[in-house]
Amino acid sequence: MTRAYLTHRLIEEVSDRLLITCGAPLAPMDMTMANIVVHHLLGEDFANQLDLAVHYAVEALFQSSQLGGDATLKRFAAQHSDSGWAQSPEHWSCMAEDSAVRLNFSTHLPKETEH
């Protein structure tokens, strides 16, 4: 789960950077609910440490490359933005919104079983 969360957060952070830089996200969806679920499962302290690791990795990626200022990337983002990229999430299923899935954060695990 840790590796999956790191990958998820990396995609989310790069997506946010591309939205700022190019005007179009890599993954045009709200990942807040997924983050809340994983933070609950991993524990806040450990999940926050993973978030910080991703933050530093993305900072290094964008500082050490021209990823954010590349004209080809900006053209690619503009092309997909113009073709309805923002409407893509409407066609993707979301388990958090699926009526068969219920999230209940009112119960707490004992401290020794949170990780």
PDB file of N, CA and C in Angstrom:
ATOM      1  N   MET A   1       0.826  -1.179   0.000  1.00  0.00           N
ATOM      2  CA  MET A   1       0.000   0.000   0.000  1.00  0.00           C
ATOM      3  C   MET A   1       0.880   1.257   0.000  1.00  0.00           C
ATOM      4  N   THR A   2       2.018   1.178   0.658  1.00  0.00           N
ATOM      5  CA  THR A   2       2.910   2.327   0.723  1.00  0.00           C
ATOM      6  C   THR A   2       3.399   2.731  -0.663  1.00  0.00           C
ATOM      7  N   ARG A   3       3.817   1.769  -1.454  1.00  0.00           N
ATOM      8  CA  ARG A   3       4.294   2.063  -2.811  1.00  0.00           C
ATOM      9  C   ARG A   3       3.172   2.617  -3.679  1.00  0.00           C
ATOM     10  N   ALA A   4       2.002   2.050  -3.550  1.00  0.00           N
ATOM     11  CA  ALA A   4       0.859   2.538  -4.326  1.00  0.00           C
ATOM     12  C   ALA A   4       0.530   3.979  -3.947  1.00  0.00           C
ATOM     13  N   TYR A   5       0.594   4.284  -2.661  1.00  0.00           N
ATOM     14  CA  TYR A   5       0.301   5.645  -2.219  1.00  0.00           C
ATOM     15  C   TYR A   5       1.370   6.623  -2.712  1.00  0.00           C
ATOM     16  N   LEU A   6       2.636   6.220  -2.656  1.00  0.00           N
ATOM     17  CA  LEU A   6       3.705   7.082  -3.169  1.00  0.00           C
ATOM     18  C   LEU A   6       3.496   7.372  -4.657  1.00  0.00           C
ATOM     19  N   THR A   7       3.137   6.365  -5.426  1.00  0.00           N
ATOM     20  CA  THR A   7       2.871   6.538  -6.851  1.00  0.00           C
ATOM     21  C   THR A   7       1.681   7.461  -7.067  1.00  0.00           C
ATOM     22  N   HIS A   8       0.626   7.226  -6.341  1.00  0.00           N
ATOM     23  CA  HIS A   8      -0.584   8.051  -6.404  1.00  0.00           C
ATOM     24  C   HIS A   8      -0.263   9.512  -6.104  1.00  0.00           C
ATOM     25  N   ARG A   9       0.496   9.751  -5.046  1.00  0.00           N
ATOM     26  CA  ARG A   9       0.835  11.125  -4.650  1.00  0.00           C
ATOM     27  C   ARG A   9       1.778  11.773  -5.652  1.00  0.00           C
ATOM     28  N   LEU A  10       2.703  10.992  -6.234  1.00  0.00           N
ATOM     29  CA  LEU A  10       3.599  11.533  -7.244  1.00  0.00           C
ATOM     30  C   LEU A  10       2.804  11.996  -8.464  1.00  0.00           C
ATOM     31  N   ILE A  11       1.874  11.181  -8.914  1.00  0.00           N
ATOM     32  CA  ILE A  11       1.022  11.563 -10.045  1.00  0.00           C
ATOM     33  C   ILE A  11       0.223  12.811  -9.694  1.00  0.00           C
ATOM     34  N   GLU A  12      -0.306  12.856  -8.485  1.00  0.00           N
ATOM     35  CA  GLU A  12      -1.094  14.015  -8.057  1.00  0.00           C
ATOM     36  C   GLU A  12      -0.254  15.290  -8.028  1.00  0.00           C
ATOM     37  N   GLU A  13       0.960  15.219  -7.488  1.00  0.00           N
ATOM     38  CA  GLU A  13       1.824  16.395  -7.398  1.00  0.00           C
ATOM     39  C   GLU A  13       2.285  16.869  -8.776  1.00  0.00           C
ATOM     40  N   VAL A  14       2.671  15.934  -9.644  1.00  0.00           N
ATOM     41  CA  VAL A  14       3.071  16.313 -11.000  1.00  0.00           C
ATOM     42  C   VAL A  14       1.877  16.914 -11.731  1.00  0.00           C
ATOM     43  N   SER A  15       0.711  16.335 -11.539  1.00  0.00           N
ATOM     44  CA  SER A  15      -0.510  16.868 -12.148  1.00  0.00           C
ATOM     45  C   SER A  15      -0.769  18.304 -11.711  1.00  0.00           C
ATOM     46  N   ASP A  16      -0.615  18.571 -10.421  1.00  0.00           N
ATOM     47  CA  ASP A  16      -0.812  19.935  -9.909  1.00  0.00           C
ATOM     48  C   ASP A  16       0.199  20.894 -10.518  1.00  0.00           C
ATOM     49  N   ARG A  17       1.455  20.470 -10.638  1.00  0.00           N
ATOM     50  CA  ARG A  17       2.488  21.330 -11.219  1.00  0.00           C
ATOM     51  C   ARG A  17       2.190  21.622 -12.687  1.00  0.00           C
ATOM     52  N   LEU A  18       1.747  20.589 -13.419  1.00  0.00           N
ATOM     53  CA  LEU A  18       1.434  20.800 -14.828  1.00  0.00           C
ATOM     54  C   LEU A  18       0.221  21.702 -14.997  1.00  0.00           C
ATOM     55  N   LEU A  19      -0.722  21.617 -14.095  1.00  0.00           N
ATOM     56  CA  LEU A  19      -1.876  22.505 -14.151  1.00  0.00           C
ATOM     57  C   LEU A  19      -1.431  23.955 -14.003  1.00  0.00           C
ATOM     58  N   ILE A  20      -0.527  24.206 -13.088  1.00  0.00           N
ATOM     59  CA  ILE A  20      -0.013  25.562 -12.878  1.00  0.00           C
ATOM     60  C   ILE A  20       0.822  26.012 -14.078  1.00  0.00           C
ATOM     61  N   THR A  21       1.678  25.135 -14.575  1.00  0.00           N
ATOM     62  CA  THR A  21       2.613  25.477 -15.636  1.00  0.00           C
ATOM     63  C   THR A  21       1.953  25.536 -17.016  1.00  0.00           C
ATOM     64  N   CYS A  22       1.123  24.535 -17.312  1.00  0.00           N
ATOM     65  CA  CYS A  22       0.588  24.387 -18.664  1.00  0.00           C
ATOM     66  C   CYS A  22      -0.898  24.680 -18.777  1.00  0.00           C
ATOM     67  N   GLY A  23      -1.573  24.775 -17.661  1.00  0.00           N
ATOM     68  CA  GLY A  23      -3.010  25.020 -17.702  1.00  0.00           C
ATOM     69  C   GLY A  23      -3.853  23.772 -17.854  1.00  0.00           C
ATOM     70  N   ALA A  24      -3.217  22.598 -17.832  1.00  0.00           N
ATOM     71  CA  ALA A  24      -3.948  21.334 -17.938  1.00  0.00           C
ATOM     72  C   ALA A  24      -3.288  20.320 -17.015  1.00  0.00           C
ATOM     73  N   PRO A  25      -4.080  19.565 -16.253  1.00  0.00           N
ATOM     74  CA  PRO A  25      -3.501  18.576 -15.330  1.00  0.00           C
ATOM     75  C   PRO A  25      -3.147  17.279 -16.029  1.00  0.00           C
ATOM     76  N   LEU A  26      -2.274  16.509 -15.400  1.00  0.00           N
ATOM     77  CA  LEU A  26      -1.960  15.167 -15.875  1.00  0.00           C
ATOM     78  C   LEU A  26      -3.131  14.238 -15.565  1.00  0.00           C
ATOM     79  N   ALA A  27      -3.680  14.363 -14.381  1.00  0.00           N
ATOM     80  CA  ALA A  27      -4.803  13.540 -13.937  1.00  0.00           C
ATOM     81  C   ALA A  27      -5.924  14.476 -13.487  1.00  0.00           C
ATOM     82  N   PRO A  28      -6.875  14.737 -14.372  1.00  0.00           N
ATOM     83  CA  PRO A  28      -7.918  15.724 -14.057  1.00  0.00           C
ATOM     84  C   PRO A  28      -9.013  15.168 -13.147  1.00  0.00           C
ATOM     85  N   MET A  29      -8.649  14.877 -11.911  1.00  0.00           N
ATOM     86  CA  MET A  29      -9.640  14.374 -10.962  1.00  0.00           C
ATOM     87  C   MET A  29      -9.261  14.786  -9.543  1.00  0.00           C
ATOM     88  N   ASP A  30     -10.247  14.820  -8.697  1.00  0.00           N
ATOM     89  CA  ASP A  30     -10.022  15.157  -7.288  1.00  0.00           C
ATOM     90  C   ASP A  30      -9.627  13.887  -6.542  1.00  0.00           C
ATOM     91  N   MET A  31      -8.443  13.872  -5.990  1.00  0.00           N
ATOM     92  CA  MET A  31      -7.929  12.688  -5.302  1.00  0.00           C
ATOM     93  C   MET A  31      -8.007  12.816  -3.788  1.00  0.00           C
ATOM     94  N   THR A  32      -8.743  13.792  -3.311  1.00  0.00           N
ATOM     95  CA  THR A  32      -8.812  14.058  -1.876  1.00  0.00           C
ATOM     96  C   THR A  32      -9.334  12.866  -1.084  1.00  0.00           C
ATOM     97  N   MET A  33     -10.406  12.251  -1.539  1.00  0.00           N
ATOM     98  CA  MET A  33     -10.986  11.130  -0.784  1.00  0.00           C
ATOM     99  C   MET A  33     -10.010   9.967  -0.696  1.00  0.00           C
ATOM    100  N   ALA A  34      -9.313   9.671  -1.774  1.00  0.00           N
ATOM    101  CA  ALA A  34      -8.318   8.590  -1.748  1.00  0.00           C
ATOM    102  C   ALA A  34      -7.219   8.912  -0.737  1.00  0.00           C
ATOM    103  N   ASN A  35      -6.788  10.164  -0.688  1.00  0.00           N
ATOM    104  CA  ASN A  35      -5.757  10.566   0.277  1.00  0.00           C
ATOM    105  C   ASN A  35      -6.250  10.392   1.712  1.00  0.00           C
ATOM    106  N   ILE A  36      -7.477  10.758   1.972  1.00  0.00           N
ATOM    107  CA  ILE A  36      -8.048  10.628   3.318  1.00  0.00           C
ATOM    108  C   ILE A  36      -8.100   9.167   3.737  1.00  0.00           C
ATOM    109  N   VAL A  37      -8.519   8.297   2.829  1.00  0.00           N
ATOM    110  CA  VAL A  37      -8.614   6.870   3.135  1.00  0.00           C
ATOM    111  C   VAL A  37      -7.242   6.305   3.468  1.00  0.00           C
ATOM    112  N   VAL A  38      -6.250   6.609   2.629  1.00  0.00           N
ATOM    113  CA  VAL A  38      -4.913   6.054   2.863  1.00  0.00           C
ATOM    114  C   VAL A  38      -4.284   6.649   4.119  1.00  0.00           C
ATOM    115  N   HIS A  39      -4.494   7.924   4.362  1.00  0.00           N
ATOM    116  CA  HIS A  39      -3.976   8.516   5.607  1.00  0.00           C
ATOM    117  C   HIS A  39      -4.563   7.785   6.813  1.00  0.00           C
ATOM    118  N   HIS A  40      -5.820   7.444   6.727  1.00  0.00           N
ATOM    119  CA  HIS A  40      -6.474   6.721   7.823  1.00  0.00           C
ATOM    120  C   HIS A  40      -5.867   5.327   7.987  1.00  0.00           C
ATOM    121  N   LEU A  41      -5.612   4.649   6.862  1.00  0.00           N
ATOM    122  CA  LEU A  41      -5.090   3.282   6.921  1.00  0.00           C
ATOM    123  C   LEU A  41      -3.623   3.223   7.350  1.00  0.00           C
ATOM    124  N   LEU A  42      -2.822   4.152   6.862  1.00  0.00           N
ATOM    125  CA  LEU A  42      -1.392   4.153   7.183  1.00  0.00           C
ATOM    126  C   LEU A  42      -1.068   4.854   8.490  1.00  0.00           C
ATOM    127  N   GLY A  43      -1.943   5.721   8.918  1.00  0.00           N
ATOM    128  CA  GLY A  43      -1.676   6.564  10.073  1.00  0.00           C
ATOM    129  C   GLY A  43      -1.192   7.923   9.588  1.00  0.00           C
ATOM    130  N   GLU A  44      -1.645   8.969  10.244  1.00  0.00           N
ATOM    131  CA  GLU A  44      -1.341  10.337   9.809  1.00  0.00           C
ATOM    132  C   GLU A  44       0.150  10.636   9.757  1.00  0.00           C
ATOM    133  N   ASP A  45       0.887  10.261  10.795  1.00  0.00           N
ATOM    134  CA  ASP A  45       2.308  10.590  10.849  1.00  0.00           C
ATOM    135  C   ASP A  45       3.080   9.975   9.686  1.00  0.00           C
ATOM    136  N   PHE A  46       2.867   8.678   9.440  1.00  0.00           N
ATOM    137  CA  PHE A  46       3.584   7.995   8.373  1.00  0.00           C
ATOM    138  C   PHE A  46       3.147   8.517   7.003  1.00  0.00           C
ATOM    139  N   ALA A  47       1.855   8.712   6.798  1.00  0.00           N
ATOM    140  CA  ALA A  47       1.354   9.234   5.524  1.00  0.00           C
ATOM    141  C   ALA A  47       1.892  10.639   5.260  1.00  0.00           C
ATOM    142  N   ASN A  48       1.984  11.456   6.295  1.00  0.00           N
ATOM    143  CA  ASN A  48       2.543  12.802   6.132  1.00  0.00           C
ATOM    144  C   ASN A  48       4.024  12.747   5.753  1.00  0.00           C
ATOM    145  N   GLN A  49       4.765  11.776   6.289  1.00  0.00           N
ATOM    146  CA  GLN A  49       6.167  11.604   5.912  1.00  0.00           C
ATOM    147  C   GLN A  49       6.278  11.222   4.436  1.00  0.00           C
ATOM    148  N   LEU A  50       5.386  10.363   3.970  1.00  0.00           N
ATOM    149  CA  LEU A  50       5.377   9.987   2.551  1.00  0.00           C
ATOM    150  C   LEU A  50       5.034  11.186   1.676  1.00  0.00           C
ATOM    151  N   ASP A  51       4.063  11.983   2.107  1.00  0.00           N
ATOM    152  CA  ASP A  51       3.697  13.193   1.365  1.00  0.00           C
ATOM    153  C   ASP A  51       4.891  14.131   1.233  1.00  0.00           C
ATOM    154  N   LEU A  52       5.647  14.285   2.307  1.00  0.00           N
ATOM    155  CA  LEU A  52       6.811  15.165   2.296  1.00  0.00           C
ATOM    156  C   LEU A  52       7.894  14.628   1.352  1.00  0.00           C
ATOM    157  N   ALA A  53       8.093  13.332   1.342  1.00  0.00           N
ATOM    158  CA  ALA A  53       9.073  12.719   0.433  1.00  0.00           C
ATOM    159  C   ALA A  53       8.687  12.989  -1.020  1.00  0.00           C
ATOM    160  N   VAL A  54       7.421  12.871  -1.335  1.00  0.00           N
ATOM    161  CA  VAL A  54       6.946  13.148  -2.692  1.00  0.00           C
ATOM    162  C   VAL A  54       7.131  14.616  -3.028  1.00  0.00           C
ATOM    163  N   HIS A  55       6.837  15.483  -2.082  1.00  0.00           N
ATOM    164  CA  HIS A  55       7.000  16.920  -2.305  1.00  0.00           C
ATOM    165  C   HIS A  55       8.450  17.235  -2.686  1.00  0.00           C
ATOM    166  N   TYR A  56       9.408  16.702  -1.938  1.00  0.00           N
ATOM    167  CA  TYR A  56      10.818  16.949  -2.234  1.00  0.00           C
ATOM    168  C   TYR A  56      11.223  16.352  -3.576  1.00  0.00           C
ATOM    169  N   ALA A  57      10.711  15.180  -3.909  1.00  0.00           N
ATOM    170  CA  ALA A  57      11.032  14.546  -5.193  1.00  0.00           C
ATOM    171  C   ALA A  57      10.527  15.387  -6.363  1.00  0.00           C
ATOM    172  N   VAL A  58       9.321  15.920  -6.251  1.00  0.00           N
ATOM    173  CA  VAL A  58       8.754  16.736  -7.325  1.00  0.00           C
ATOM    174  C   VAL A  58       9.490  18.068  -7.434  1.00  0.00           C
ATOM    175  N   GLU A  59       9.857  18.646  -6.293  1.00  0.00           N
ATOM    176  CA  GLU A  59      10.653  19.876  -6.311  1.00  0.00           C
ATOM    177  C   GLU A  59      11.953  19.639  -7.081  1.00  0.00           C
ATOM    178  N   ALA A  60      12.627  18.541  -6.782  1.00  0.00           N
ATOM    179  CA  ALA A  60      13.889  18.223  -7.450  1.00  0.00           C
ATOM    180  C   ALA A  60      13.664  17.966  -8.940  1.00  0.00           C
ATOM    181  N   LEU A  61      12.600  17.280  -9.286  1.00  0.00           N
ATOM    182  CA  LEU A  61      12.291  16.988 -10.687  1.00  0.00           C
ATOM    183  C   LEU A  61      12.091  18.267 -11.490  1.00  0.00           C
ATOM    184  N   PHE A  62      11.315  19.177 -10.963  1.00  0.00           N
ATOM    185  CA  PHE A  62      11.022  20.397 -11.701  1.00  0.00           C
ATOM    186  C   PHE A  62      12.183  21.391 -11.676  1.00  0.00           C
ATOM    187  N   GLN A  63      13.045  21.322 -10.671  1.00  0.00           N
ATOM    188  CA  GLN A  63      14.211  22.210 -10.641  1.00  0.00           C
ATOM    189  C   GLN A  63      15.344  21.702 -11.523  1.00  0.00           C
ATOM    190  N   SER A  64      15.499  20.381 -11.618  1.00  0.00           N
ATOM    191  CA  SER A  64      16.626  19.813 -12.354  1.00  0.00           C
ATOM    192  C   SER A  64      16.326  19.602 -13.830  1.00  0.00           C
ATOM    193  N   SER A  65      15.112  19.832 -14.254  1.00  0.00           N
ATOM    194  CA  SER A  65      14.766  19.636 -15.666  1.00  0.00           C
ATOM    195  C   SER A  65      14.015  20.856 -16.178  1.00  0.00           C
ATOM    196  N   GLN A  66      13.779  20.836 -17.452  1.00  0.00           N
ATOM    197  CA  GLN A  66      12.991  21.912 -18.040  1.00  0.00           C
ATOM    198  C   GLN A  66      11.564  21.432 -18.267  1.00  0.00           C
ATOM    199  N   LEU A  67      11.134  20.478 -17.483  1.00  0.00           N
ATOM    200  CA  LEU A  67       9.816  19.884 -17.643  1.00  0.00           C
ATOM    201  C   LEU A  67       8.710  20.928 -17.605  1.00  0.00           C
ATOM    202  N   GLY A  68       8.807  21.859 -16.682  1.00  0.00           N
ATOM    203  CA  GLY A  68       7.760  22.858 -16.562  1.00  0.00           C
ATOM    204  C   GLY A  68       7.725  23.883 -17.668  1.00  0.00           C
ATOM    205  N   GLY A  69       8.854  24.157 -18.330  1.00  0.00           N
ATOM    206  CA  GLY A  69       8.901  25.205 -19.331  1.00  0.00           C
ATOM    207  C   GLY A  69       9.000  24.699 -20.755  1.00  0.00           C
ATOM    208  N   ASP A  70       8.904  23.417 -20.975  1.00  0.00           N
ATOM    209  CA  ASP A  70       9.066  22.829 -22.293  1.00  0.00           C
ATOM    210  C   ASP A  70       7.890  23.190 -23.206  1.00  0.00           C
ATOM    211  N   ALA A  71       8.194  23.753 -24.386  1.00  0.00           N
ATOM    212  CA  ALA A  71       7.155  24.173 -25.335  1.00  0.00           C
ATOM    213  C   ALA A  71       6.358  22.982 -25.865  1.00  0.00           C
ATOM    214  N   THR A  72       7.020  21.847 -26.071  1.00  0.00           N
ATOM    215  CA  THR A  72       6.322  20.650 -26.560  1.00  0.00           C
ATOM    216  C   THR A  72       5.287  20.184 -25.539  1.00  0.00           C
ATOM    217  N   LEU A  73       5.662  20.201 -24.272  1.00  0.00           N
ATOM    218  CA  LEU A  73       4.736  19.819 -23.213  1.00  0.00           C
ATOM    219  C   LEU A  73       3.540  20.770 -23.166  1.00  0.00           C
ATOM    220  N   LYS A  74       3.807  22.052 -23.320  1.00  0.00           N
ATOM    221  CA  LYS A  74       2.722  23.031 -23.300  1.00  0.00           C
ATOM    222  C   LYS A  74       1.780  22.839 -24.491  1.00  0.00           C
ATOM    223  N   ARG A  75       2.328  22.536 -25.671  1.00  0.00           N
ATOM    224  CA  ARG A  75       1.473  22.259 -26.841  1.00  0.00           C
ATOM    225  C   ARG A  75       0.627  21.011 -26.614  1.00  0.00           C
ATOM    226  N   PHE A  76       1.250  19.974 -26.050  1.00  0.00           N
ATOM    227  CA  PHE A  76       0.535  18.735 -25.747  1.00  0.00           C
ATOM    228  C   PHE A  76      -0.621  18.996 -24.787  1.00  0.00           C
ATOM    229  N   ALA A  77      -0.343  19.753 -23.730  1.00  0.00           N
ATOM    230  CA  ALA A  77      -1.374  20.073 -22.742  1.00  0.00           C
ATOM    231  C   ALA A  77      -2.486  20.904 -23.371  1.00  0.00           C
ATOM    232  N   ALA A  78      -2.135  21.869 -24.204  1.00  0.00           N
ATOM    233  CA  ALA A  78      -3.145  22.701 -24.859  1.00  0.00           C
ATOM    234  C   ALA A  78      -4.018  21.866 -25.782  1.00  0.00           C
ATOM    235  N   GLN A  79      -3.407  20.944 -26.511  1.00  0.00           N
ATOM    236  CA  GLN A  79      -4.162  20.081 -27.425  1.00  0.00           C
ATOM    237  C   GLN A  79      -5.182  19.246 -26.648  1.00  0.00           C
ATOM    238  N   HIS A  80      -4.743  18.649 -25.544  1.00  0.00           N
ATOM    239  CA  HIS A  80      -5.651  17.819 -24.760  1.00  0.00           C
ATOM    240  C   HIS A  80      -6.685  18.655 -24.014  1.00  0.00           C
ATOM    241  N   SER A  81      -6.305  19.815 -23.602  1.00  0.00           N
ATOM    242  CA  SER A  81      -7.245  20.710 -22.943  1.00  0.00           C
ATOM    243  C   SER A  81      -8.347  21.114 -23.915  1.00  0.00           C
ATOM    244  N   ASP A  82      -7.963  21.425 -25.142  1.00  0.00           N
ATOM    245  CA  ASP A  82      -8.932  21.820 -26.168  1.00  0.00           C
ATOM    246  C   ASP A  82      -9.838  20.664 -26.572  1.00  0.00           C
ATOM    247  N   SER A  83      -9.344  19.433 -26.465  1.00  0.00           N
ATOM    248  CA  SER A  83     -10.130  18.286 -26.909  1.00  0.00           C
ATOM    249  C   SER A  83     -11.019  17.709 -25.808  1.00  0.00           C
ATOM    250  N   GLY A  84     -11.143  18.400 -24.696  1.00  0.00           N
ATOM    251  CA  GLY A  84     -12.061  17.953 -23.658  1.00  0.00           C
ATOM    252  C   GLY A  84     -11.443  17.118 -22.568  1.00  0.00           C
ATOM    253  N   TRP A  85     -10.156  17.295 -22.321  1.00  0.00           N
ATOM    254  CA  TRP A  85      -9.462  16.543 -21.284  1.00  0.00           C
ATOM    255  C   TRP A  85     -10.151  16.714 -19.940  1.00  0.00           C
ATOM    256  N   ALA A  86     -10.682  17.885 -19.686  1.00  0.00           N
ATOM    257  CA  ALA A  86     -11.326  18.157 -18.403  1.00  0.00           C
ATOM    258  C   ALA A  86     -12.576  17.315 -18.193  1.00  0.00           C
ATOM    259  N   GLN A  87     -13.190  16.849 -19.268  1.00  0.00           N
ATOM    260  CA  GLN A  87     -14.392  16.019 -19.135  1.00  0.00           C
ATOM    261  C   GLN A  87     -14.072  14.538 -18.954  1.00  0.00           C
ATOM    262  N   SER A  88     -12.814  14.147 -19.090  1.00  0.00           N
ATOM    263  CA  SER A  88     -12.418  12.742 -18.983  1.00  0.00           C
ATOM    264  C   SER A  88     -12.862  12.058 -17.697  1.00  0.00           C
ATOM    265  N   PRO A  89     -12.736  12.695 -16.521  1.00  0.00           N
ATOM    266  CA  PRO A  89     -13.114  12.007 -15.294  1.00  0.00           C
ATOM    267  C   PRO A  89     -14.583  11.570 -15.261  1.00  0.00           C
ATOM    268  N   GLU A  90     -15.428  12.197 -16.031  1.00  0.00           N
ATOM    269  CA  GLU A  90     -16.833  11.802 -16.056  1.00  0.00           C
ATOM    270  C   GLU A  90     -16.984  10.366 -16.548  1.00  0.00           C
ATOM    271  N   HIS A  91     -16.003   9.880 -17.303  1.00  0.00           N
ATOM    272  CA  HIS A  91     -16.063   8.528 -17.854  1.00  0.00           C
ATOM    273  C   HIS A  91     -15.318   7.512 -17.002  1.00  0.00           C
ATOM    274  N   TRP A  92     -14.662   7.963 -15.937  1.00  0.00           N
ATOM    275  CA  TRP A  92     -13.901   7.066 -15.067  1.00  0.00           C
ATOM    276  C   TRP A  92     -14.731   6.763 -13.828  1.00  0.00           C
ATOM    277  N   SER A  93     -14.712   5.518 -13.406  1.00  0.00           N
ATOM    278  CA  SER A  93     -15.447   5.168 -12.200  1.00  0.00           C
ATOM    279  C   SER A  93     -14.673   5.621 -10.963  1.00  0.00           C
ATOM    280  N   CYS A  94     -15.392   5.892  -9.907  1.00  0.00           N
ATOM    281  CA  CYS A  94     -14.780   6.335  -8.658  1.00  0.00           C
ATOM    282  C   CYS A  94     -15.329   5.470  -7.533  1.00  0.00           C
ATOM    283  N   MET A  95     -14.468   4.636  -6.940  1.00  0.00           N
ATOM    284  CA  MET A  95     -14.938   3.740  -5.883  1.00  0.00           C
ATOM    285  C   MET A  95     -15.499   4.502  -4.690  1.00  0.00           C
ATOM    286  N   ALA A  96     -14.930   5.660  -4.390  1.00  0.00           N
ATOM    287  CA  ALA A  96     -15.396   6.424  -3.237  1.00  0.00           C
ATOM    288  C   ALA A  96     -16.821   6.917  -3.424  1.00  0.00           C
ATOM    289  N   GLU A  97     -17.237   7.094  -4.683  1.00  0.00           N
ATOM    290  CA  GLU A  97     -18.589   7.567  -4.953  1.00  0.00           C
ATOM    291  C   GLU A  97     -19.540   6.434  -5.323  1.00  0.00           C
ATOM    292  N   ASP A  98     -19.018   5.218  -5.462  1.00  0.00           N
ATOM    293  CA  ASP A  98     -19.834   4.062  -5.801  1.00  0.00           C
ATOM    294  C   ASP A  98     -20.789   3.783  -4.647  1.00  0.00           C
ATOM    295  N   SER A  99     -22.038   3.547  -4.965  1.00  0.00           N
ATOM    296  CA  SER A  99     -23.038   3.343  -3.910  1.00  0.00           C
ATOM    297  C   SER A  99     -22.790   2.074  -3.094  1.00  0.00           C
ATOM    298  N   ALA A 100     -21.987   1.149  -3.622  1.00  0.00           N
ATOM    299  CA  ALA A 100     -21.717  -0.090  -2.896  1.00  0.00           C
ATOM    300  C   ALA A 100     -20.579   0.075  -1.884  1.00  0.00           C
ATOM    301  N   VAL A 101     -19.883   1.187  -1.926  1.00  0.00           N
ATOM    302  CA  VAL A 101     -18.749   1.405  -1.038  1.00  0.00           C
ATOM    303  C   VAL A 101     -19.116   2.461  -0.017  1.00  0.00           C
ATOM    304  N   ARG A 102     -18.916   2.151   1.249  1.00  0.00           N
ATOM    305  CA  ARG A 102     -19.206   3.095   2.316  1.00  0.00           C
ATOM    306  C   ARG A 102     -17.946   3.314   3.140  1.00  0.00           C
ATOM    307  N   LEU A 103     -17.649   4.547   3.428  1.00  0.00           N
ATOM    308  CA  LEU A 103     -16.487   4.882   4.247  1.00  0.00           C
ATOM    309  C   LEU A 103     -16.976   5.354   5.602  1.00  0.00           C
ATOM    310  N   ASN A 104     -16.440   4.737   6.668  1.00  0.00           N
ATOM    311  CA  ASN A 104     -16.839   5.101   8.011  1.00  0.00           C
ATOM    312  C   ASN A 104     -15.582   5.373   8.817  1.00  0.00           C
ATOM    313  N   PHE A 105     -15.341   6.650   9.110  1.00  0.00           N
ATOM    314  CA  PHE A 105     -14.148   7.030   9.844  1.00  0.00           C
ATOM    315  C   PHE A 105     -14.420   7.211  11.330  1.00  0.00           C
ATOM    316  N   SER A 106     -15.584   6.821  11.785  1.00  0.00           N
ATOM    317  CA  SER A 106     -15.918   7.036  13.187  1.00  0.00           C
ATOM    318  C   SER A 106     -15.271   6.001  14.106  1.00  0.00           C
ATOM    319  N   THR A 107     -14.900   4.852  13.567  1.00  0.00           N
ATOM    320  CA  THR A 107     -14.244   3.839  14.397  1.00  0.00           C
ATOM    321  C   THR A 107     -12.739   4.021  14.322  1.00  0.00           C
ATOM    322  N   HIS A 108     -12.063   3.809  15.424  1.00  0.00           N
ATOM    323  CA  HIS A 108     -10.614   3.977  15.474  1.00  0.00           C
ATOM    324  C   HIS A 108      -9.960   2.657  15.845  1.00  0.00           C
ATOM    325  N   LEU A 109      -8.880   2.352  15.168  1.00  0.00           N
ATOM    326  CA  LEU A 109      -8.111   1.157  15.484  1.00  0.00           C
ATOM    327  C   LEU A 109      -7.239   1.439  16.694  1.00  0.00           C
ATOM    328  N   PRO A 110      -6.954   0.416  17.485  1.00  0.00           N
ATOM    329  CA  PRO A 110      -5.996   0.619  18.574  1.00  0.00           C
ATOM    330  C   PRO A 110      -4.652   1.057  17.987  1.00  0.00           C
ATOM    331  N   LYS A 111      -3.905   1.873  18.725  1.00  0.00           N
ATOM    332  CA  LYS A 111      -2.639   2.438  18.246  1.00  0.00           C
ATOM    333  C   LYS A 111      -1.683   1.391  17.694  1.00  0.00           C
ATOM    334  N   GLU A 112      -1.596   0.225  18.316  1.00  0.00           N
ATOM    335  CA  GLU A 112      -0.610  -0.761  17.887  1.00  0.00           C
ATOM    336  C   GLU A 112      -0.962  -1.422  16.561  1.00  0.00           C
ATOM    337  N   THR A 113      -2.183  -1.264  16.020  1.00  0.00           N
ATOM    338  CA  THR A 113      -2.556  -1.911  14.761  1.00  0.00           C
ATOM    339  C   THR A 113      -2.769  -0.918  13.621  1.00  0.00           C
ATOM    340  N   GLU A 114      -2.446   0.359  13.818  1.00  0.00           N
ATOM    341  CA  GLU A 114      -2.692   1.347  12.764  1.00  0.00           C
ATOM    342  C   GLU A 114      -1.787   1.179  11.564  1.00  0.00           C
ATOM    343  N   HIS A 115      -0.577   0.705  11.718  1.00  0.00           N
ATOM    344  CA  HIS A 115       0.341   0.573  10.579  1.00  0.00           C
ATOM    345  C   HIS A 115       0.287  -0.842  10.144  1.00  0.00           C
TER     346      HIS A 115
END
